[in-house]
Amino acid sequence: MNCACCGRDCPDITKHHLVPRTRHSNKKTKKCFTRAELQTTVDFCRSCHRQVHALFTEKELERSYFTLAALLTHPAMSQFINWIKTKSADVRPRVKRLNS
């Protein structure tokens, strides 16, 4: 399968909830999103999935980056995508957490 983020054909695809599951019980989240929107997932390779969670907090993902387009246009994410898409599917880069 292909990663929705970098486009590489990777054997280890994971599901990424655009609105993090930890935020589903929040009252504001329940008002802003439909049940279907809360369950929306995209297929990411492990490298891209780890990068997303390293760059953003759960609250940031819920409030600002709840669409694939928003994630892909973030400068740090697009820089990572441009780098990783030239690598083979078995490359597993180390990820630095910016939100620690």
N, C-alpha and C. Protein backbone atom coordinates (compact mmCIF):
# COMPACT_ATOMS: atom_id res chain seq x y z
N MET A 1 0.83 -1.20 0.00
CA MET A 1 0.00 0.00 0.00
C MET A 1 0.87 1.25 0.00
N ASN A 2 0.30 2.32 -0.51
CA ASN A 2 1.02 3.58 -0.54
C ASN A 2 0.66 4.46 0.64
N CYS A 3 1.66 5.16 1.14
CA CYS A 3 1.47 6.12 2.23
C CYS A 3 0.77 7.36 1.67
N ALA A 4 -0.26 7.83 2.34
CA ALA A 4 -0.98 9.02 1.91
C ALA A 4 -0.14 10.28 2.08
N CYS A 5 0.91 10.19 2.86
CA CYS A 5 1.75 11.34 3.16
C CYS A 5 2.91 11.46 2.15
N CYS A 6 3.75 10.45 2.12
CA CYS A 6 4.94 10.52 1.27
C CYS A 6 4.78 9.81 -0.07
N GLY A 7 3.76 8.97 -0.19
CA GLY A 7 3.51 8.27 -1.46
C GLY A 7 4.32 7.02 -1.69
N ARG A 8 5.20 6.67 -0.72
CA ARG A 8 6.02 5.47 -0.90
C ARG A 8 5.17 4.22 -0.72
N ASP A 9 5.56 3.15 -1.43
CA ASP A 9 4.90 1.86 -1.29
C ASP A 9 5.59 1.13 -0.15
N CYS A 10 4.94 1.08 1.01
CA CYS A 10 5.54 0.51 2.21
C CYS A 10 4.72 -0.69 2.69
N PRO A 11 5.39 -1.71 3.21
CA PRO A 11 4.67 -2.87 3.71
C PRO A 11 4.01 -2.64 5.07
N ASP A 12 4.50 -1.69 5.83
CA ASP A 12 3.97 -1.46 7.18
C ASP A 12 3.18 -0.16 7.28
N ILE A 13 1.97 -0.19 6.72
CA ILE A 13 1.09 0.97 6.73
C ILE A 13 0.28 0.98 8.03
N THR A 14 0.13 2.17 8.61
CA THR A 14 -0.64 2.33 9.84
C THR A 14 -1.80 3.29 9.57
N LYS A 15 -2.79 3.23 10.43
CA LYS A 15 -3.95 4.13 10.33
C LYS A 15 -3.73 5.32 11.25
N HIS A 16 -3.91 6.52 10.73
CA HIS A 16 -3.77 7.74 11.53
C HIS A 16 -5.14 8.41 11.60
N HIS A 17 -5.65 8.60 12.82
CA HIS A 17 -6.90 9.34 13.00
C HIS A 17 -6.60 10.82 12.82
N LEU A 18 -7.30 11.47 11.92
CA LEU A 18 -7.07 12.90 11.70
C LEU A 18 -7.42 13.72 12.95
N VAL A 19 -8.44 13.31 13.65
CA VAL A 19 -8.73 13.89 14.98
C VAL A 19 -8.33 12.80 15.98
N PRO A 20 -7.30 13.05 16.78
CA PRO A 20 -6.79 12.01 17.68
C PRO A 20 -7.87 11.41 18.59
N ARG A 21 -7.81 10.10 18.77
CA ARG A 21 -8.81 9.40 19.59
C ARG A 21 -8.83 9.92 21.02
N THR A 22 -7.69 10.39 21.51
CA THR A 22 -7.66 10.90 22.89
C THR A 22 -8.48 12.17 23.04
N ARG A 23 -8.81 12.83 21.93
CA ARG A 23 -9.58 14.08 21.97
C ARG A 23 -11.07 13.86 21.68
N HIS A 24 -11.49 12.63 21.38
CA HIS A 24 -12.88 12.36 21.00
C HIS A 24 -13.87 12.64 22.12
N SER A 25 -13.47 12.48 23.37
CA SER A 25 -14.41 12.67 24.48
C SER A 25 -14.51 14.14 24.93
N ASN A 26 -13.69 15.01 24.37
CA ASN A 26 -13.71 16.42 24.72
C ASN A 26 -15.01 17.06 24.23
N LYS A 27 -15.68 17.86 25.06
CA LYS A 27 -16.97 18.47 24.69
C LYS A 27 -16.86 19.36 23.47
N LYS A 28 -15.80 20.15 23.40
CA LYS A 28 -15.62 21.05 22.25
C LYS A 28 -15.44 20.23 20.97
N THR A 29 -14.71 19.16 21.06
CA THR A 29 -14.48 18.30 19.91
C THR A 29 -15.79 17.69 19.43
N LYS A 30 -16.61 17.24 20.36
CA LYS A 30 -17.90 16.64 20.01
C LYS A 30 -18.81 17.64 19.29
N LYS A 31 -18.70 18.92 19.67
CA LYS A 31 -19.52 19.96 19.01
C LYS A 31 -19.00 20.30 17.61
N CYS A 32 -17.68 20.24 17.42
CA CYS A 32 -17.08 20.69 16.17
C CYS A 32 -17.05 19.62 15.07
N PHE A 33 -17.05 18.36 15.45
CA PHE A 33 -16.91 17.28 14.48
C PHE A 33 -18.07 16.30 14.55
N THR A 34 -18.45 15.78 13.39
CA THR A 34 -19.46 14.73 13.36
C THR A 34 -18.81 13.40 13.75
N ARG A 35 -19.62 12.41 14.02
CA ARG A 35 -19.11 11.09 14.38
C ARG A 35 -18.25 10.52 13.24
N ALA A 36 -18.69 10.74 12.01
CA ALA A 36 -17.94 10.24 10.84
C ALA A 36 -16.58 10.94 10.73
N GLU A 37 -16.55 12.24 10.99
CA GLU A 37 -15.28 12.98 10.93
C GLU A 37 -14.31 12.49 12.00
N LEU A 38 -14.84 12.14 13.17
CA LEU A 38 -13.98 11.66 14.25
C LEU A 38 -13.37 10.30 13.91
N GLN A 39 -14.06 9.52 13.11
CA GLN A 39 -13.57 8.18 12.76
C GLN A 39 -12.72 8.16 11.50
N THR A 40 -12.54 9.30 10.84
CA THR A 40 -11.77 9.36 9.60
C THR A 40 -10.29 9.06 9.85
N THR A 41 -9.77 8.12 9.07
CA THR A 41 -8.36 7.77 9.17
C THR A 41 -7.70 7.86 7.79
N VAL A 42 -6.39 8.00 7.79
CA VAL A 42 -5.60 7.96 6.56
C VAL A 42 -4.47 6.95 6.76
N ASP A 43 -4.01 6.39 5.67
CA ASP A 43 -2.94 5.40 5.72
C ASP A 43 -1.58 6.09 5.64
N PHE A 44 -0.77 5.90 6.68
CA PHE A 44 0.58 6.46 6.73
C PHE A 44 1.59 5.34 6.92
N CYS A 45 2.77 5.52 6.36
CA CYS A 45 3.87 4.60 6.69
C CYS A 45 4.30 4.92 8.12
N ARG A 46 5.02 4.02 8.73
CA ARG A 46 5.42 4.23 10.13
C ARG A 46 6.28 5.49 10.30
N SER A 47 7.14 5.76 9.32
CA SER A 47 8.02 6.93 9.42
C SER A 47 7.23 8.23 9.44
N CYS A 48 6.28 8.36 8.53
CA CYS A 48 5.46 9.58 8.48
C CYS A 48 4.58 9.69 9.72
N HIS A 49 4.02 8.57 10.16
CA HIS A 49 3.16 8.58 11.33
C HIS A 49 3.93 9.02 12.57
N ARG A 50 5.14 8.51 12.73
CA ARG A 50 5.97 8.91 13.87
C ARG A 50 6.33 10.39 13.78
N GLN A 51 6.59 10.88 12.58
CA GLN A 51 6.95 12.29 12.39
C GLN A 51 5.79 13.21 12.76
N VAL A 52 4.58 12.84 12.36
CA VAL A 52 3.40 13.64 12.70
C VAL A 52 3.27 13.77 14.21
N HIS A 53 3.38 12.66 14.92
CA HIS A 53 3.21 12.69 16.37
C HIS A 53 4.43 13.30 17.09
N ALA A 54 5.55 13.37 16.42
CA ALA A 54 6.70 14.05 17.00
C ALA A 54 6.58 15.57 16.86
N LEU A 55 5.97 16.01 15.77
CA LEU A 55 5.86 17.45 15.52
C LEU A 55 4.71 18.12 16.25
N PHE A 56 3.60 17.40 16.40
CA PHE A 56 2.37 18.03 16.90
C PHE A 56 1.86 17.36 18.17
N THR A 57 1.26 18.18 19.04
CA THR A 57 0.57 17.62 20.20
C THR A 57 -0.80 17.14 19.73
N GLU A 58 -1.46 16.37 20.58
CA GLU A 58 -2.81 15.88 20.24
C GLU A 58 -3.76 17.06 20.06
N LYS A 59 -3.62 18.07 20.89
CA LYS A 59 -4.49 19.24 20.81
C LYS A 59 -4.25 20.02 19.51
N GLU A 60 -2.98 20.14 19.09
CA GLU A 60 -2.68 20.81 17.82
C GLU A 60 -3.27 20.04 16.64
N LEU A 61 -3.18 18.72 16.69
CA LEU A 61 -3.74 17.91 15.62
C LEU A 61 -5.26 18.10 15.54
N GLU A 62 -5.90 18.16 16.69
CA GLU A 62 -7.35 18.33 16.73
C GLU A 62 -7.77 19.71 16.22
N ARG A 63 -7.07 20.74 16.63
CA ARG A 63 -7.52 22.10 16.35
C ARG A 63 -7.03 22.68 15.03
N SER A 64 -5.83 22.31 14.59
CA SER A 64 -5.28 22.95 13.40
C SER A 64 -4.94 22.00 12.26
N TYR A 65 -4.66 20.75 12.57
CA TYR A 65 -4.17 19.82 11.54
C TYR A 65 -5.06 18.60 11.43
N PHE A 66 -6.38 18.81 11.36
CA PHE A 66 -7.34 17.71 11.30
C PHE A 66 -7.68 17.30 9.87
N THR A 67 -6.94 17.86 8.89
CA THR A 67 -7.09 17.42 7.50
C THR A 67 -5.72 17.03 6.96
N LEU A 68 -5.73 16.16 5.98
CA LEU A 68 -4.47 15.73 5.37
C LEU A 68 -3.77 16.92 4.70
N ALA A 69 -4.53 17.79 4.06
CA ALA A 69 -3.95 18.96 3.40
C ALA A 69 -3.22 19.86 4.38
N ALA A 70 -3.82 20.08 5.55
CA ALA A 70 -3.18 20.93 6.56
C ALA A 70 -1.88 20.31 7.06
N LEU A 71 -1.88 19.00 7.26
CA LEU A 71 -0.65 18.32 7.70
C LEU A 71 0.46 18.45 6.66
N LEU A 72 0.09 18.25 5.40
CA LEU A 72 1.09 18.25 4.33
C LEU A 72 1.67 19.63 4.05
N THR A 73 0.94 20.69 4.38
CA THR A 73 1.44 22.03 4.10
C THR A 73 2.27 22.63 5.24
N HIS A 74 2.31 21.98 6.39
CA HIS A 74 3.14 22.48 7.49
C HIS A 74 4.61 22.42 7.03
N PRO A 75 5.39 23.50 7.22
CA PRO A 75 6.77 23.55 6.71
C PRO A 75 7.66 22.39 7.17
N ALA A 76 7.63 22.06 8.43
CA ALA A 76 8.49 20.97 8.93
C ALA A 76 8.06 19.63 8.36
N MET A 77 6.76 19.44 8.21
CA MET A 77 6.25 18.18 7.66
C MET A 77 6.58 18.07 6.18
N SER A 78 6.41 19.14 5.43
CA SER A 78 6.71 19.08 4.00
C SER A 78 8.21 18.88 3.75
N GLN A 79 9.04 19.44 4.61
CA GLN A 79 10.48 19.22 4.50
C GLN A 79 10.80 17.75 4.75
N PHE A 80 10.19 17.14 5.75
CA PHE A 80 10.39 15.72 6.03
C PHE A 80 9.91 14.87 4.86
N ILE A 81 8.74 15.19 4.31
CA ILE A 81 8.19 14.42 3.19
C ILE A 81 9.11 14.49 1.98
N ASN A 82 9.61 15.67 1.67
CA ASN A 82 10.53 15.81 0.53
C ASN A 82 11.78 14.97 0.71
N TRP A 83 12.22 14.83 1.96
CA TRP A 83 13.41 14.02 2.23
C TRP A 83 13.09 12.53 2.19
N ILE A 84 12.02 12.11 2.85
CA ILE A 84 11.73 10.67 3.00
C ILE A 84 11.25 10.04 1.70
N LYS A 85 10.61 10.80 0.83
CA LYS A 85 10.07 10.19 -0.39
C LYS A 85 11.17 9.72 -1.35
N THR A 86 12.40 10.16 -1.13
CA THR A 86 13.51 9.69 -1.97
C THR A 86 14.18 8.45 -1.39
N LYS A 87 13.75 8.02 -0.21
CA LYS A 87 14.35 6.87 0.47
C LYS A 87 13.56 5.60 0.16
N SER A 88 14.20 4.46 0.37
CA SER A 88 13.51 3.18 0.17
C SER A 88 12.52 2.94 1.30
N ALA A 89 11.62 2.00 1.08
CA ALA A 89 10.54 1.74 2.04
C ALA A 89 11.04 1.19 3.37
N ASP A 90 12.23 0.62 3.39
CA ASP A 90 12.72 0.03 4.65
C ASP A 90 13.50 1.02 5.52
N VAL A 91 13.63 2.27 5.09
CA VAL A 91 14.32 3.29 5.88
C VAL A 91 13.43 3.71 7.05
N ARG A 92 14.01 3.67 8.26
CA ARG A 92 13.29 4.08 9.48
C ARG A 92 14.13 5.16 10.18
N PRO A 93 13.90 6.41 9.85
CA PRO A 93 14.70 7.48 10.45
C PRO A 93 14.37 7.71 11.91
N ARG A 94 15.33 8.23 12.63
CA ARG A 94 15.07 8.65 14.00
C ARG A 94 14.28 9.94 13.96
N VAL A 95 13.40 10.09 14.90
CA VAL A 95 12.54 11.26 14.93
C VAL A 95 12.81 12.02 16.22
N LYS A 96 13.01 13.34 16.08
CA LYS A 96 13.20 14.19 17.25
C LYS A 96 11.86 14.79 17.63
N ARG A 97 11.49 14.65 18.87
CA ARG A 97 10.24 15.24 19.36
C ARG A 97 10.46 16.71 19.62
N LEU A 98 9.66 17.53 18.99
CA LEU A 98 9.76 18.98 19.19
C LEU A 98 8.89 19.45 20.34
N ASN A 99 7.92 18.64 20.73
CA ASN A 99 6.97 19.05 21.77
C ASN A 99 7.27 18.43 23.11
N SER A 100 8.49 18.19 23.44
CA SER A 100 8.84 17.56 24.72
C SER A 100 8.99 18.58 25.81
